[in-house]
Amino acid sequence: MTISEITLVNKKKRVYKKILLGFLIVFLLFISLIGYAIYWAFYDMDRLTTGEFLTEETSPDGKYTVKAYVTNGGATVAYTVRGELVFNEKEHKSKNIYWNYREDTAHIKWISNDEVEINGHKLKVPNEKFDFRHE
């Protein structure tokens, strides 16, 4: 083989590697988008239905309020309870911290200023969440 033939073969290999790398990147982006779409559609707690108000309890220091709502999914789906954490002192958007299937009542009890128990599930607010779909 001459030097020009070797150079041509090396150029072809580089082109194939670039094409393969491009396909790999596109494939990984596609899989990532599919994964995010599944999470968004089925597991994102920010997309939960509002429901009907049940009860609310404020933390001992008045910093947080947990509001509970019941959602009727229709004739073939059981009731669910959604717990929403409201920040009383800061200008934060409220967030869903509790979602449980086959419940229609909510018993909220504050254990401390930052720990709440909802229907037997203890959560440290504002970061912990309970979602029956992840159990």
C-alpha atoms as a PDB file:
ATOM      1  CA  MET A   1       0.000   0.000   0.000  1.00  0.00           C
ATOM      2  CA  THR A   2       1.160   3.462  -0.779  1.00  0.00           C
ATOM      3  CA  ILE A   3       1.078   6.384   1.590  1.00  0.00           C
ATOM      4  CA  SER A   4      -1.850   7.986  -0.252  1.00  0.00           C
ATOM      5  CA  GLU A   5      -3.876   4.743   0.052  1.00  0.00           C
ATOM      6  CA  ILE A   6      -3.125   4.527   3.796  1.00  0.00           C
ATOM      7  CA  THR A   7      -4.154   8.181   4.218  1.00  0.00           C
ATOM      8  CA  LEU A   8      -7.400   7.506   2.351  1.00  0.00           C
ATOM      9  CA  VAL A   9      -8.172   4.460   4.555  1.00  0.00           C
ATOM     10  CA  ASN A  10      -7.469   6.509   7.709  1.00  0.00           C
ATOM     11  CA  LYS A  11      -9.769   9.290   6.486  1.00  0.00           C
ATOM     12  CA  LYS A  12     -12.549   6.756   5.831  1.00  0.00           C
ATOM     13  CA  LYS A  13     -12.120   5.314   9.340  1.00  0.00           C
ATOM     14  CA  ARG A  14     -12.387   8.800  10.866  1.00  0.00           C
ATOM     15  CA  VAL A  15     -15.539   9.519   8.855  1.00  0.00           C
ATOM     16  CA  TYR A  16     -17.119   6.220   9.992  1.00  0.00           C
ATOM     17  CA  LYS A  17     -16.194   6.977  13.616  1.00  0.00           C
ATOM     18  CA  LYS A  18     -17.778  10.435  13.364  1.00  0.00           C
ATOM     19  CA  ILE A  19     -20.952   8.968  11.844  1.00  0.00           C
ATOM     20  CA  LEU A  20     -21.104   6.277  14.524  1.00  0.00           C
ATOM     21  CA  LEU A  21     -20.558   8.856  17.266  1.00  0.00           C
ATOM     22  CA  GLY A  22     -23.306  11.039  15.777  1.00  0.00           C
ATOM     23  CA  PHE A  23     -25.756   8.122  15.708  1.00  0.00           C
ATOM     24  CA  LEU A  24     -24.834   7.231  19.294  1.00  0.00           C
ATOM     25  CA  ILE A  25     -25.453  10.786  20.502  1.00  0.00           C
ATOM     26  CA  VAL A  26     -28.809  10.992  18.692  1.00  0.00           C
ATOM     27  CA  PHE A  27     -29.825   7.582  20.093  1.00  0.00           C
ATOM     28  CA  LEU A  28     -28.929   8.598  23.675  1.00  0.00           C
ATOM     29  CA  LEU A  29     -30.838  11.884  23.326  1.00  0.00           C
ATOM     30  CA  PHE A  30     -33.860   9.989  22.010  1.00  0.00           C
ATOM     31  CA  ILE A  31     -33.770   7.499  24.900  1.00  0.00           C
ATOM     32  CA  SER A  32     -33.379  10.377  27.383  1.00  0.00           C
ATOM     33  CA  LEU A  33     -36.398  12.187  25.939  1.00  0.00           C
ATOM     34  CA  ILE A  34     -38.495   9.010  26.078  1.00  0.00           C
ATOM     35  CA  GLY A  35     -37.443   8.455  29.707  1.00  0.00           C
ATOM     36  CA  TYR A  36     -38.303  12.027  30.678  1.00  0.00           C
ATOM     37  CA  ALA A  37     -41.665  11.814  28.881  1.00  0.00           C
ATOM     38  CA  ILE A  38     -42.556   8.659  30.833  1.00  0.00           C
ATOM     39  CA  TYR A  39     -41.538  10.313  34.105  1.00  0.00           C
ATOM     40  CA  TRP A  40     -43.481  13.480  33.272  1.00  0.00           C
ATOM     41  CA  ALA A  41     -46.621  11.596  32.247  1.00  0.00           C
ATOM     42  CA  PHE A  42     -46.758   9.027  35.042  1.00  0.00           C
ATOM     43  CA  TYR A  43     -44.601  10.060  38.023  1.00  0.00           C
ATOM     44  CA  ASP A  44     -44.320  13.844  38.225  1.00  0.00           C
ATOM     45  CA  MET A  45     -46.058  14.967  41.427  1.00  0.00           C
ATOM     46  CA  ASP A  46     -46.538  18.484  40.065  1.00  0.00           C
ATOM     47  CA  ARG A  47     -49.094  17.157  37.572  1.00  0.00           C
ATOM     48  CA  LEU A  48     -51.459  15.626  40.159  1.00  0.00           C
ATOM     49  CA  THR A  49     -55.117  16.578  40.065  1.00  0.00           C
ATOM     50  CA  THR A  50     -56.278  19.141  42.598  1.00  0.00           C
ATOM     51  CA  GLY A  51     -59.115  17.244  44.274  1.00  0.00           C
ATOM     52  CA  GLU A  52     -61.541  18.340  46.983  1.00  0.00           C
ATOM     53  CA  PHE A  53     -60.220  19.990  50.153  1.00  0.00           C
ATOM     54  CA  LEU A  54     -60.246  17.741  53.251  1.00  0.00           C
ATOM     55  CA  THR A  55     -58.250  19.355  56.040  1.00  0.00           C
ATOM     56  CA  GLU A  56     -55.146  21.360  56.883  1.00  0.00           C
ATOM     57  CA  GLU A  57     -52.697  21.611  59.762  1.00  0.00           C
ATOM     58  CA  THR A  58     -50.088  24.290  60.455  1.00  0.00           C
ATOM     59  CA  SER A  59     -46.658  23.467  61.895  1.00  0.00           C
ATOM     60  CA  PRO A  60     -46.003  24.426  65.545  1.00  0.00           C
ATOM     61  CA  ASP A  61     -43.770  27.347  64.509  1.00  0.00           C
ATOM     62  CA  GLY A  62     -46.224  28.507  61.810  1.00  0.00           C
ATOM     63  CA  LYS A  63     -43.639  28.111  59.045  1.00  0.00           C
ATOM     64  CA  TYR A  64     -45.539  25.458  57.047  1.00  0.00           C
ATOM     65  CA  THR A  65     -49.104  24.324  56.434  1.00  0.00           C
ATOM     66  CA  VAL A  66     -50.024  20.934  55.024  1.00  0.00           C
ATOM     67  CA  LYS A  67     -53.307  20.868  53.144  1.00  0.00           C
ATOM     68  CA  ALA A  68     -54.931  17.551  52.219  1.00  0.00           C
ATOM     69  CA  TYR A  69     -57.194  16.909  49.242  1.00  0.00           C
ATOM     70  CA  VAL A  70     -59.078  13.811  48.114  1.00  0.00           C
ATOM     71  CA  THR A  71     -59.307  12.902  44.443  1.00  0.00           C
ATOM     72  CA  ASN A  72     -62.006  10.713  42.926  1.00  0.00           C
ATOM     73  CA  GLY A  73     -60.543   8.902  39.940  1.00  0.00           C
ATOM     74  CA  GLY A  74     -63.876   7.662  38.651  1.00  0.00           C
ATOM     75  CA  ALA A  75     -65.875   4.449  38.827  1.00  0.00           C
ATOM     76  CA  THR A  76     -62.956   2.083  38.251  1.00  0.00           C
ATOM     77  CA  VAL A  77     -60.263   3.844  40.301  1.00  0.00           C
ATOM     78  CA  ALA A  78     -60.046   4.171  44.098  1.00  0.00           C
ATOM     79  CA  TYR A  79     -59.802   7.486  45.936  1.00  0.00           C
ATOM     80  CA  THR A  80     -56.400   9.073  46.494  1.00  0.00           C
ATOM     81  CA  VAL A  81     -55.183  11.634  49.005  1.00  0.00           C
ATOM     82  CA  ARG A  82     -52.832  14.431  47.995  1.00  0.00           C
ATOM     83  CA  GLY A  83     -50.873  16.445  50.550  1.00  0.00           C
ATOM     84  CA  GLU A  84     -49.667  19.907  49.641  1.00  0.00           C
ATOM     85  CA  LEU A  85     -46.985  21.798  51.577  1.00  0.00           C
ATOM     86  CA  VAL A  86     -47.594  25.549  51.779  1.00  0.00           C
ATOM     87  CA  PHE A  87     -44.753  27.868  52.804  1.00  0.00           C
ATOM     88  CA  ASN A  88     -46.280  30.479  55.118  1.00  0.00           C
ATOM     89  CA  GLU A  89     -43.259  32.756  55.611  1.00  0.00           C
ATOM     90  CA  LYS A  90     -41.572  32.691  52.212  1.00  0.00           C
ATOM     91  CA  GLU A  91     -42.852  33.483  48.760  1.00  0.00           C
ATOM     92  CA  HIS A  92     -42.389  29.885  47.564  1.00  0.00           C
ATOM     93  CA  LYS A  93     -44.788  27.991  45.377  1.00  0.00           C
ATOM     94  CA  SER A  94     -46.581  25.253  47.314  1.00  0.00           C
ATOM     95  CA  LYS A  95     -45.515  21.717  46.479  1.00  0.00           C
ATOM     96  CA  ASN A  96     -46.997  18.246  46.615  1.00  0.00           C
ATOM     97  CA  ILE A  97     -45.389  16.088  49.288  1.00  0.00           C
ATOM     98  CA  TYR A  98     -47.909  13.253  49.698  1.00  0.00           C
ATOM     99  CA  TRP A  99     -49.820  11.053  47.246  1.00  0.00           C
ATOM    100  CA  ASN A 100     -51.387   7.787  48.362  1.00  0.00           C
ATOM    101  CA  TYR A 101     -53.834   5.435  46.697  1.00  0.00           C
ATOM    102  CA  ARG A 102     -56.930   3.856  48.294  1.00  0.00           C
ATOM    103  CA  GLU A 103     -57.388   6.576  50.909  1.00  0.00           C
ATOM    104  CA  ASP A 104     -60.239   9.005  51.340  1.00  0.00           C
ATOM    105  CA  THR A 105     -59.345  10.664  54.662  1.00  0.00           C
ATOM    106  CA  ALA A 106     -56.266  12.473  55.894  1.00  0.00           C
ATOM    107  CA  HIS A 107     -54.919  12.501  59.433  1.00  0.00           C
ATOM    108  CA  ILE A 108     -52.194  15.137  59.675  1.00  0.00           C
ATOM    109  CA  LYS A 109     -50.082  15.415  62.829  1.00  0.00           C
ATOM    110  CA  TRP A 110     -47.019  17.608  63.283  1.00  0.00           C
ATOM    111  CA  ILE A 111     -44.277  15.805  65.230  1.00  0.00           C
ATOM    112  CA  SER A 112     -41.892  18.778  65.263  1.00  0.00           C
ATOM    113  CA  ASN A 113     -41.435  22.062  63.406  1.00  0.00           C
ATOM    114  CA  ASP A 114     -40.166  20.246  60.323  1.00  0.00           C
ATOM    115  CA  GLU A 115     -41.544  16.709  60.622  1.00  0.00           C
ATOM    116  CA  VAL A 116     -45.125  15.812  59.794  1.00  0.00           C
ATOM    117  CA  GLU A 117     -47.035  12.543  59.807  1.00  0.00           C
ATOM    118  CA  ILE A 118     -49.758  12.038  57.203  1.00  0.00           C
ATOM    119  CA  ASN A 119     -51.815   8.852  57.545  1.00  0.00           C
ATOM    120  CA  GLY A 120     -48.900   7.112  59.269  1.00  0.00           C
ATOM    121  CA  HIS A 121     -46.189   8.265  56.845  1.00  0.00           C
ATOM    122  CA  LYS A 122     -43.535  10.483  58.468  1.00  0.00           C
ATOM    123  CA  LEU A 123     -41.991  13.172  56.273  1.00  0.00           C
ATOM    124  CA  LYS A 124     -39.300  15.758  56.953  1.00  0.00           C
ATOM    125  CA  VAL A 125     -40.375  18.938  55.230  1.00  0.00           C
ATOM    126  CA  PRO A 126     -39.639  20.590  52.898  1.00  0.00           C
ATOM    127  CA  ASN A 127     -37.546  17.944  51.102  1.00  0.00           C
ATOM    128  CA  GLU A 128     -39.121  14.520  51.709  1.00  0.00           C
ATOM    129  CA  LYS A 129     -42.081  13.220  49.744  1.00  0.00           C
ATOM    130  CA  PHE A 130     -44.268  10.132  49.830  1.00  0.00           C
ATOM    131  CA  ASP A 131     -45.643   8.779  46.555  1.00  0.00           C
ATOM    132  CA  PHE A 132     -47.242   5.324  46.478  1.00  0.00           C
ATOM    133  CA  ARG A 133     -46.077   4.870  42.883  1.00  0.00           C
ATOM    134  CA  HIS A 134     -42.457   4.722  44.060  1.00  0.00           C
ATOM    135  CA  GLU A 135     -43.018   2.122  46.761  1.00  0.00           C
END
